[in-house]
N, C-alpha and C. Protein backbone atom coordinates (compact mmCIF):
# COMPACT_ATOMS: atom_id res chain seq x y z
N MET A 1 55.73 -113.10 -4.95
CA MET A 1 56.23 -114.37 -4.47
C MET A 1 56.03 -114.51 -2.97
N MET A 2 56.04 -113.41 -2.25
CA MET A 2 55.94 -113.46 -0.81
C MET A 2 54.58 -113.95 -0.33
N ILE A 3 53.55 -113.78 -1.11
CA ILE A 3 52.21 -114.15 -0.68
C ILE A 3 51.97 -115.66 -0.81
N PHE A 4 52.76 -116.35 -1.64
CA PHE A 4 52.50 -117.77 -1.88
C PHE A 4 52.90 -118.65 -0.70
N GLU A 5 53.98 -118.35 -0.02
CA GLU A 5 54.42 -119.20 1.08
C GLU A 5 53.42 -119.19 2.24
N PRO A 6 52.96 -118.02 2.73
CA PRO A 6 51.93 -118.06 3.77
C PRO A 6 50.62 -118.69 3.28
N PHE A 7 50.32 -118.51 2.00
CA PHE A 7 49.11 -119.10 1.45
C PHE A 7 49.19 -120.63 1.49
N PHE A 8 50.32 -121.21 1.10
CA PHE A 8 50.46 -122.66 1.11
C PHE A 8 50.47 -123.22 2.53
N VAL A 9 51.08 -122.50 3.46
CA VAL A 9 51.04 -122.93 4.86
C VAL A 9 49.60 -122.89 5.37
N ALA A 10 48.87 -121.84 5.02
CA ALA A 10 47.47 -121.74 5.43
C ALA A 10 46.62 -122.82 4.78
N ILE A 11 46.94 -123.19 3.54
CA ILE A 11 46.20 -124.26 2.86
C ILE A 11 46.36 -125.57 3.62
N VAL A 12 47.58 -125.91 4.00
CA VAL A 12 47.83 -127.16 4.72
C VAL A 12 47.10 -127.16 6.06
N ILE A 13 47.26 -126.09 6.82
CA ILE A 13 46.60 -126.00 8.12
C ILE A 13 45.09 -125.97 7.95
N GLY A 14 44.60 -125.22 6.96
CA GLY A 14 43.17 -125.10 6.73
C GLY A 14 42.52 -126.41 6.33
N VAL A 15 43.20 -127.19 5.50
CA VAL A 15 42.65 -128.50 5.11
C VAL A 15 42.57 -129.42 6.33
N ILE A 16 43.56 -129.37 7.19
CA ILE A 16 43.51 -130.17 8.42
C ILE A 16 42.34 -129.73 9.29
N ILE A 17 42.14 -128.42 9.44
CA ILE A 17 41.03 -127.91 10.25
C ILE A 17 39.69 -128.34 9.65
N LEU A 18 39.55 -128.24 8.34
CA LEU A 18 38.29 -128.64 7.69
C LEU A 18 38.05 -130.13 7.82
N LEU A 19 39.10 -130.94 7.74
CA LEU A 19 38.94 -132.38 7.92
C LEU A 19 38.53 -132.73 9.34
N VAL A 20 39.11 -132.06 10.32
CA VAL A 20 38.73 -132.31 11.72
C VAL A 20 37.27 -131.90 11.95
N THR A 21 36.87 -130.76 11.39
CA THR A 21 35.49 -130.32 11.53
C THR A 21 34.53 -131.30 10.85
N TRP A 22 34.89 -131.77 9.67
CA TRP A 22 34.06 -132.74 8.96
C TRP A 22 33.95 -134.05 9.75
N TRP A 23 35.07 -134.48 10.34
CA TRP A 23 35.06 -135.71 11.13
C TRP A 23 34.18 -135.55 12.37
N PHE A 24 34.28 -134.41 13.05
CA PHE A 24 33.42 -134.16 14.21
C PHE A 24 31.95 -134.18 13.82
N LYS A 25 31.66 -133.64 12.64
CA LYS A 25 30.27 -133.62 12.16
C LYS A 25 29.81 -135.02 11.79
N LYS A 26 30.70 -135.81 11.22
CA LYS A 26 30.34 -137.15 10.78
C LYS A 26 30.01 -138.06 11.96
N ILE A 27 30.69 -137.89 13.08
CA ILE A 27 30.41 -138.73 14.24
C ILE A 27 29.36 -138.12 15.16
N ASN A 28 28.68 -137.10 14.65
CA ASN A 28 27.53 -136.47 15.33
C ASN A 28 27.84 -135.93 16.72
N LEU A 29 28.93 -135.21 16.84
CA LEU A 29 29.23 -134.54 18.10
C LEU A 29 28.38 -133.28 18.23
N PRO A 30 28.21 -132.77 19.44
CA PRO A 30 27.41 -131.54 19.61
C PRO A 30 28.01 -130.35 18.86
N LEU A 31 27.16 -129.35 18.63
CA LEU A 31 27.58 -128.16 17.87
C LEU A 31 28.77 -127.46 18.53
N PHE A 32 28.77 -127.40 19.85
CA PHE A 32 29.87 -126.74 20.55
C PHE A 32 31.22 -127.38 20.20
N VAL A 33 31.26 -128.69 20.17
CA VAL A 33 32.51 -129.40 19.85
C VAL A 33 32.88 -129.21 18.39
N ARG A 34 31.89 -129.18 17.51
CA ARG A 34 32.16 -129.03 16.09
C ARG A 34 32.72 -127.67 15.73
N ILE A 35 32.38 -126.62 16.50
CA ILE A 35 32.89 -125.29 16.16
C ILE A 35 34.23 -124.97 16.84
N VAL A 36 34.71 -125.85 17.70
CA VAL A 36 35.99 -125.61 18.40
C VAL A 36 37.16 -125.44 17.42
N PRO A 37 37.32 -126.28 16.38
CA PRO A 37 38.45 -126.04 15.45
C PRO A 37 38.40 -124.67 14.77
N GLY A 38 37.21 -124.21 14.41
CA GLY A 38 37.07 -122.89 13.78
C GLY A 38 37.41 -121.77 14.76
N VAL A 39 36.97 -121.90 15.99
CA VAL A 39 37.26 -120.88 17.01
C VAL A 39 38.75 -120.81 17.27
N LEU A 40 39.39 -121.97 17.43
CA LEU A 40 40.83 -121.97 17.68
C LEU A 40 41.61 -121.41 16.49
N THR A 41 41.15 -121.69 15.28
CA THR A 41 41.82 -121.16 14.10
C THR A 41 41.73 -119.64 14.06
N VAL A 42 40.57 -119.09 14.34
CA VAL A 42 40.40 -117.63 14.33
C VAL A 42 41.23 -116.98 15.43
N ILE A 43 41.27 -117.59 16.61
CA ILE A 43 42.06 -117.04 17.71
C ILE A 43 43.55 -117.04 17.36
N VAL A 44 44.04 -118.14 16.80
CA VAL A 44 45.45 -118.22 16.39
C VAL A 44 45.74 -117.19 15.30
N ALA A 45 44.81 -117.00 14.37
CA ALA A 45 45.02 -116.03 13.29
C ALA A 45 45.10 -114.61 13.84
N ILE A 46 44.27 -114.29 14.81
CA ILE A 46 44.31 -112.95 15.42
C ILE A 46 45.64 -112.74 16.15
N ILE A 47 46.10 -113.76 16.86
CA ILE A 47 47.38 -113.65 17.57
C ILE A 47 48.53 -113.50 16.57
N LEU A 48 48.51 -114.27 15.48
CA LEU A 48 49.56 -114.14 14.46
C LEU A 48 49.55 -112.76 13.82
N PHE A 49 48.37 -112.21 13.56
CA PHE A 49 48.29 -110.87 12.98
C PHE A 49 48.87 -109.85 13.95
N TYR A 50 48.56 -109.98 15.23
CA TYR A 50 49.08 -109.05 16.23
C TYR A 50 50.62 -109.14 16.30
N ILE A 51 51.15 -110.36 16.32
CA ILE A 51 52.59 -110.53 16.37
C ILE A 51 53.26 -109.92 15.14
N GLY A 52 52.67 -110.16 13.97
CA GLY A 52 53.25 -109.63 12.74
C GLY A 52 53.15 -108.12 12.65
N PHE A 53 52.07 -107.55 13.16
CA PHE A 53 51.86 -106.11 13.04
C PHE A 53 52.63 -105.32 14.10
N VAL A 54 52.67 -105.83 15.33
CA VAL A 54 53.25 -105.07 16.44
C VAL A 54 54.73 -105.42 16.66
N ASN A 55 55.04 -106.70 16.70
CA ASN A 55 56.40 -107.10 17.07
C ASN A 55 57.36 -107.17 15.89
N ILE A 56 56.94 -107.76 14.79
CA ILE A 56 57.87 -108.01 13.69
C ILE A 56 57.93 -106.84 12.73
N ARG A 57 56.79 -106.37 12.27
CA ARG A 57 56.66 -105.25 11.33
C ARG A 57 57.38 -105.52 10.01
N GLY A 58 57.17 -104.66 9.06
CA GLY A 58 57.85 -104.75 7.77
C GLY A 58 57.32 -105.87 6.89
N PHE A 59 58.18 -106.31 5.97
CA PHE A 59 57.77 -107.35 5.03
C PHE A 59 57.57 -108.70 5.72
N GLU A 60 58.38 -108.99 6.71
CA GLU A 60 58.21 -110.25 7.44
C GLU A 60 56.89 -110.25 8.20
N GLY A 61 56.53 -109.12 8.76
CA GLY A 61 55.25 -109.00 9.45
C GLY A 61 54.07 -109.11 8.50
N ALA A 62 54.27 -108.64 7.27
CA ALA A 62 53.21 -108.76 6.26
C ALA A 62 52.94 -110.22 5.94
N ALA A 63 53.95 -111.06 5.96
CA ALA A 63 53.74 -112.49 5.73
C ALA A 63 52.84 -113.08 6.82
N TYR A 64 53.05 -112.66 8.06
CA TYR A 64 52.17 -113.10 9.14
C TYR A 64 50.75 -112.59 8.92
N GLY A 65 50.62 -111.38 8.41
CA GLY A 65 49.29 -110.83 8.12
C GLY A 65 48.58 -111.61 7.04
N PHE A 66 49.30 -111.96 5.96
CA PHE A 66 48.69 -112.78 4.91
C PHE A 66 48.26 -114.14 5.45
N LEU A 67 49.12 -114.76 6.25
CA LEU A 67 48.81 -116.05 6.83
C LEU A 67 47.56 -115.96 7.70
N SER A 68 47.45 -114.91 8.49
CA SER A 68 46.29 -114.77 9.36
C SER A 68 45.00 -114.53 8.57
N VAL A 69 45.07 -113.78 7.49
CA VAL A 69 43.87 -113.56 6.66
C VAL A 69 43.38 -114.87 6.06
N PHE A 70 44.30 -115.67 5.54
CA PHE A 70 43.90 -116.95 4.96
C PHE A 70 43.38 -117.91 6.03
N LEU A 71 43.99 -117.89 7.21
CA LEU A 71 43.50 -118.75 8.29
C LEU A 71 42.11 -118.34 8.75
N ILE A 72 41.84 -117.04 8.78
CA ILE A 72 40.49 -116.58 9.14
C ILE A 72 39.48 -117.07 8.12
N CYS A 73 39.85 -117.07 6.85
CA CYS A 73 38.94 -117.59 5.81
C CYS A 73 38.63 -119.06 6.07
N PHE A 74 39.64 -119.85 6.42
CA PHE A 74 39.40 -121.26 6.71
C PHE A 74 38.59 -121.44 8.00
N GLY A 75 38.80 -120.57 8.97
CA GLY A 75 38.00 -120.62 10.19
C GLY A 75 36.53 -120.35 9.91
N ILE A 76 36.26 -119.38 9.04
CA ILE A 76 34.87 -119.08 8.67
C ILE A 76 34.26 -120.27 7.92
N LEU A 77 35.02 -120.88 7.01
CA LEU A 77 34.53 -122.07 6.32
C LEU A 77 34.24 -123.20 7.30
N SER A 78 35.06 -123.33 8.32
CA SER A 78 34.84 -124.35 9.34
C SER A 78 33.56 -124.07 10.11
N PHE A 79 33.29 -122.80 10.45
CA PHE A 79 32.04 -122.44 11.12
C PHE A 79 30.83 -122.82 10.27
N ILE A 80 30.89 -122.46 8.99
CA ILE A 80 29.78 -122.75 8.08
C ILE A 80 29.57 -124.25 7.97
N MET A 81 30.66 -125.00 7.86
CA MET A 81 30.56 -126.44 7.73
C MET A 81 30.01 -127.07 9.01
N ALA A 82 30.37 -126.55 10.16
CA ALA A 82 29.92 -127.12 11.43
C ALA A 82 28.44 -126.83 11.69
N LYS A 83 27.98 -125.66 11.28
CA LYS A 83 26.60 -125.27 11.56
C LYS A 83 25.60 -125.83 10.56
N LYS A 84 26.08 -126.23 9.39
CA LYS A 84 25.20 -126.77 8.36
C LYS A 84 24.60 -128.08 8.85
N PRO A 85 23.27 -128.22 8.77
CA PRO A 85 22.66 -129.48 9.26
C PRO A 85 23.08 -130.66 8.41
N SER A 86 23.29 -131.79 9.07
CA SER A 86 23.68 -132.99 8.34
C SER A 86 22.46 -133.64 7.71
N LYS A 87 22.69 -134.34 6.63
CA LYS A 87 21.59 -134.99 5.92
C LYS A 87 21.16 -136.24 6.70
N ALA A 88 19.85 -136.45 6.73
CA ALA A 88 19.32 -137.63 7.39
C ALA A 88 19.56 -138.87 6.54
N ARG A 89 19.84 -139.97 7.19
CA ARG A 89 20.12 -141.20 6.43
C ARG A 89 18.91 -142.09 6.42
């Protein structure tokens, strides 16, 4: 049961990140701007993992670890989505 709450929080945040990345791609912004949401997501995930592992520890820290793993997955998806060339119209 403990894994579902961080997973659902990561789903909500991840969908927002993917929508922002898709929107940046749709309005044809440069690649640097399109990868910013993915970079920020990965940075936040690393910080959350560090806080959960070093400061909190235990089962509560493991929830932060699960959240960070799922956020890193969404960050990687955002990178892939941003780098994929858009279709010509």
